[in-house]
Amino acid sequence: MAENNGASRLTYFLIGFGLGAVVALLFAPKSGRELREDIAEKTRRGLEKAQETYEAARERAKELVETGREKVSALAEEARERVAESRERLSAAIEAGRQAYREEKWKAEAQG
C-alpha cells in the first residue's frame, strides 16, 4: 500500500509538473511556432520519462511477483513435508498400537 501511495504521489507530481511547464510556455514571449515546438518537445520528454517510469515499475512488479511465487512454492513444499511427517508418525503410532494389542491378546491367550 505504501508503494501505491508513492506511485500516486509520483503520478500527481508528474501531472503537476507537466501542467506547470505548459503554463510557463504559454506565458513566455515566443512566437506561436516556437511555442508549439516547445510544447511538443516538453510533451515528448514527459512521455519518455513516463515510459521509463512505467517500465521500471513494471520490472519491479515482475520481480515482486516472482519473489512471491518462490516464497509460496517454498511454503507449499514445507507444508507437504510436514503433512508427510505427520502422516508417517500417525501411521507408526497406529501400527505400534496394533502391535501392542496383538501382544497383549497373545499373552492373555497364553495365560488363559
C-alpha atoms as a PDB file:
ATOM      1  CA  MET A   1       0.000   0.000   0.000  1.00  0.00           C
ATOM      2  CA  ALA A   2       2.916   2.346   0.730  1.00  0.00           C
ATOM      3  CA  GLU A   3       4.266   1.739  -2.775  1.00  0.00           C
ATOM      4  CA  ASN A   4       0.852   2.566  -4.232  1.00  0.00           C
ATOM      5  CA  ASN A   5       0.812   5.815  -2.258  1.00  0.00           C
ATOM      6  CA  GLY A   6       4.282   6.652  -3.562  1.00  0.00           C
ATOM      7  CA  ALA A   7       3.202   5.852  -7.109  1.00  0.00           C
ATOM      8  CA  SER A   8       0.157   8.101  -6.710  1.00  0.00           C
ATOM      9  CA  ARG A   9       2.320  10.934  -5.435  1.00  0.00           C
ATOM     10  CA  LEU A  10       4.737  10.481  -8.331  1.00  0.00           C
ATOM     11  CA  THR A  11       1.846  10.494 -10.805  1.00  0.00           C
ATOM     12  CA  TYR A  12       0.391  13.690  -9.318  1.00  0.00           C
ATOM     13  CA  PHE A  13       3.830  15.281  -9.287  1.00  0.00           C
ATOM     14  CA  LEU A  14       4.399  14.473 -12.970  1.00  0.00           C
ATOM     15  CA  ILE A  15       0.953  15.775 -13.911  1.00  0.00           C
ATOM     16  CA  GLY A  16       1.544  18.981 -11.944  1.00  0.00           C
ATOM     17  CA  PHE A  17       4.987  19.367 -13.444  1.00  0.00           C
ATOM     18  CA  GLY A  18       3.603  18.963 -16.947  1.00  0.00           C
ATOM     19  CA  LEU A  19       0.803  21.455 -16.366  1.00  0.00           C
ATOM     20  CA  GLY A  20       3.251  23.940 -14.861  1.00  0.00           C
ATOM     21  CA  ALA A  21       5.566  23.593 -17.856  1.00  0.00           C
ATOM     22  CA  VAL A  22       2.683  24.200 -20.291  1.00  0.00           C
ATOM     23  CA  VAL A  23       1.513  27.279 -18.366  1.00  0.00           C
ATOM     24  CA  ALA A  24       5.075  28.623 -18.268  1.00  0.00           C
ATOM     25  CA  LEU A  25       5.392  28.136 -22.016  1.00  0.00           C
ATOM     26  CA  LEU A  26       2.078  29.851 -22.685  1.00  0.00           C
ATOM     27  CA  PHE A  27       3.216  32.950 -20.828  1.00  0.00           C
ATOM     28  CA  ALA A  28       6.680  33.000 -22.415  1.00  0.00           C
ATOM     29  CA  PRO A  29       7.225  35.727 -25.047  1.00  0.00           C
ATOM     30  CA  LYS A  30       7.604  33.459 -28.087  1.00  0.00           C
ATOM     31  CA  SER A  31       6.010  33.131 -31.496  1.00  0.00           C
ATOM     32  CA  GLY A  32       3.231  30.584 -31.997  1.00  0.00           C
ATOM     33  CA  ARG A  33       5.501  28.231 -33.923  1.00  0.00           C
ATOM     34  CA  GLU A  34       8.243  28.335 -31.270  1.00  0.00           C
ATOM     35  CA  LEU A  35       5.659  27.852 -28.555  1.00  0.00           C
ATOM     36  CA  ARG A  36       4.144  24.809 -30.311  1.00  0.00           C
ATOM     37  CA  GLU A  37       7.622  23.344 -30.836  1.00  0.00           C
ATOM     38  CA  ASP A  38       8.466  23.882 -27.161  1.00  0.00           C
ATOM     39  CA  ILE A  39       5.193  22.300 -26.055  1.00  0.00           C
ATOM     40  CA  ALA A  40       5.766  19.352 -28.386  1.00  0.00           C
ATOM     41  CA  GLU A  41       9.334  18.888 -27.096  1.00  0.00           C
ATOM     42  CA  LYS A  42       8.289  19.104 -23.448  1.00  0.00           C
ATOM     43  CA  THR A  43       5.442  16.694 -24.109  1.00  0.00           C
ATOM     44  CA  ARG A  44       7.800  14.275 -25.842  1.00  0.00           C
ATOM     45  CA  ARG A  45      10.241  14.425 -22.917  1.00  0.00           C
ATOM     46  CA  GLY A  46       7.402  13.954 -20.434  1.00  0.00           C
ATOM     47  CA  LEU A  47       6.130  10.926 -22.321  1.00  0.00           C
ATOM     48  CA  GLU A  48       9.625   9.435 -22.470  1.00  0.00           C
ATOM     49  CA  LYS A  49      10.045   9.944 -18.724  1.00  0.00           C
ATOM     50  CA  ALA A  50       6.613   8.429 -18.075  1.00  0.00           C
ATOM     51  CA  GLN A  51       7.533   5.433 -20.264  1.00  0.00           C
ATOM     52  CA  GLU A  52      10.787   4.952 -18.349  1.00  0.00           C
ATOM     53  CA  THR A  53       8.940   5.160 -15.037  1.00  0.00           C
ATOM     54  CA  TYR A  54       6.326   2.694 -16.291  1.00  0.00           C
ATOM     55  CA  GLU A  55       8.983   0.233 -17.453  1.00  0.00           C
ATOM     56  CA  ALA A  56      10.846   0.469 -14.135  1.00  0.00           C
ATOM     57  CA  ALA A  57       7.608  -0.097 -12.203  1.00  0.00           C
ATOM     58  CA  ARG A  58       6.699  -2.996 -14.464  1.00  0.00           C
ATOM     59  CA  GLU A  59      10.087  -4.663 -13.906  1.00  0.00           C
ATOM     60  CA  ARG A  60       9.773  -4.159 -10.159  1.00  0.00           C
ATOM     61  CA  ALA A  61       6.291  -5.701 -10.231  1.00  0.00           C
ATOM     62  CA  LYS A  62       7.651  -8.716 -12.138  1.00  0.00           C
ATOM     63  CA  GLU A  63      10.389  -9.131  -9.520  1.00  0.00           C
ATOM     64  CA  LEU A  64       7.862  -8.927  -6.697  1.00  0.00           C
ATOM     65  CA  VAL A  65       5.579 -11.474  -8.375  1.00  0.00           C
ATOM     66  CA  GLU A  66       8.474 -13.871  -8.916  1.00  0.00           C
ATOM     67  CA  THR A  67       9.634 -13.459  -5.319  1.00  0.00           C
ATOM     68  CA  GLY A  68       6.076 -14.106  -4.153  1.00  0.00           C
ATOM     69  CA  ARG A  69       5.823 -17.238  -6.278  1.00  0.00           C
ATOM     70  CA  GLU A  70       9.103 -18.544  -4.904  1.00  0.00           C
ATOM     71  CA  LYS A  71       8.015 -17.926  -1.321  1.00  0.00           C
ATOM     72  CA  VAL A  72       4.619 -19.555  -1.873  1.00  0.00           C
ATOM     73  CA  SER A  73       6.283 -22.537  -3.527  1.00  0.00           C
ATOM     74  CA  ALA A  74       8.709 -22.914  -0.620  1.00  0.00           C
ATOM     75  CA  LEU A  75       5.874 -22.672   1.905  1.00  0.00           C
ATOM     76  CA  ALA A  76       3.808 -25.228  -0.005  1.00  0.00           C
ATOM     77  CA  GLU A  77       6.759 -27.630  -0.118  1.00  0.00           C
ATOM     78  CA  GLU A  78       7.351 -27.198   3.599  1.00  0.00           C
ATOM     79  CA  ALA A  79       3.661 -27.836   4.285  1.00  0.00           C
ATOM     80  CA  ARG A  80       3.745 -31.016   2.161  1.00  0.00           C
ATOM     81  CA  GLU A  81       6.791 -32.233   4.076  1.00  0.00           C
ATOM     82  CA  ARG A  82       5.135 -31.565   7.436  1.00  0.00           C
ATOM     83  CA  VAL A  83       1.957 -33.354   6.362  1.00  0.00           C
ATOM     84  CA  ALA A  84       4.014 -36.336   5.200  1.00  0.00           C
ATOM     85  CA  GLU A  85       5.923 -36.409   8.506  1.00  0.00           C
ATOM     86  CA  SER A  86       2.688 -36.218  10.486  1.00  0.00           C
ATOM     87  CA  ARG A  87       1.164 -38.961   8.377  1.00  0.00           C
ATOM     88  CA  GLU A  88       4.212 -41.173   8.975  1.00  0.00           C
ATOM     89  CA  ARG A  89       4.095 -40.548  12.735  1.00  0.00           C
ATOM     90  CA  LEU A  90       0.376 -41.300  12.837  1.00  0.00           C
ATOM     91  CA  SER A  91       0.846 -44.500  10.852  1.00  0.00           C
ATOM     92  CA  ALA A  92       3.691 -45.549  13.152  1.00  0.00           C
ATOM     93  CA  ALA A  93       1.569 -44.838  16.236  1.00  0.00           C
ATOM     94  CA  ILE A  94      -1.357 -46.842  14.829  1.00  0.00           C
ATOM     95  CA  GLU A  95       0.926 -49.741  13.968  1.00  0.00           C
ATOM     96  CA  ALA A  96       2.508 -49.621  17.449  1.00  0.00           C
ATOM     97  CA  GLY A  97      -0.972 -49.717  18.971  1.00  0.00           C
ATOM     98  CA  ARG A  98      -1.946 -52.703  16.839  1.00  0.00           C
ATOM     99  CA  GLN A  99       1.260 -54.499  17.759  1.00  0.00           C
ATOM    100  CA  ALA A 100       0.714 -53.826  21.463  1.00  0.00           C
ATOM    101  CA  TYR A 101      -2.854 -55.109  21.152  1.00  0.00           C
ATOM    102  CA  ARG A 102      -1.667 -58.301  19.440  1.00  0.00           C
ATOM    103  CA  GLU A 103       0.993 -58.882  22.090  1.00  0.00           C
ATOM    104  CA  GLU A 104      -1.470 -58.377  24.944  1.00  0.00           C
ATOM    105  CA  LYS A 105      -4.023 -60.620  23.232  1.00  0.00           C
ATOM    106  CA  TRP A 106      -1.336 -63.302  22.731  1.00  0.00           C
ATOM    107  CA  LYS A 107      -0.301 -63.039  26.421  1.00  0.00           C
ATOM    108  CA  ALA A 108      -3.918 -63.289  27.517  1.00  0.00           C
ATOM    109  CA  GLU A 109      -4.484 -66.346  25.332  1.00  0.00           C
ATOM    110  CA  ALA A 110      -1.272 -67.951  26.579  1.00  0.00           C
ATOM    111  CA  GLN A 111      -2.269 -67.435  30.215  1.00  0.00           C
ATOM    112  CA  GLY A 112      -5.836 -68.445  29.741  1.00  0.00           C
END
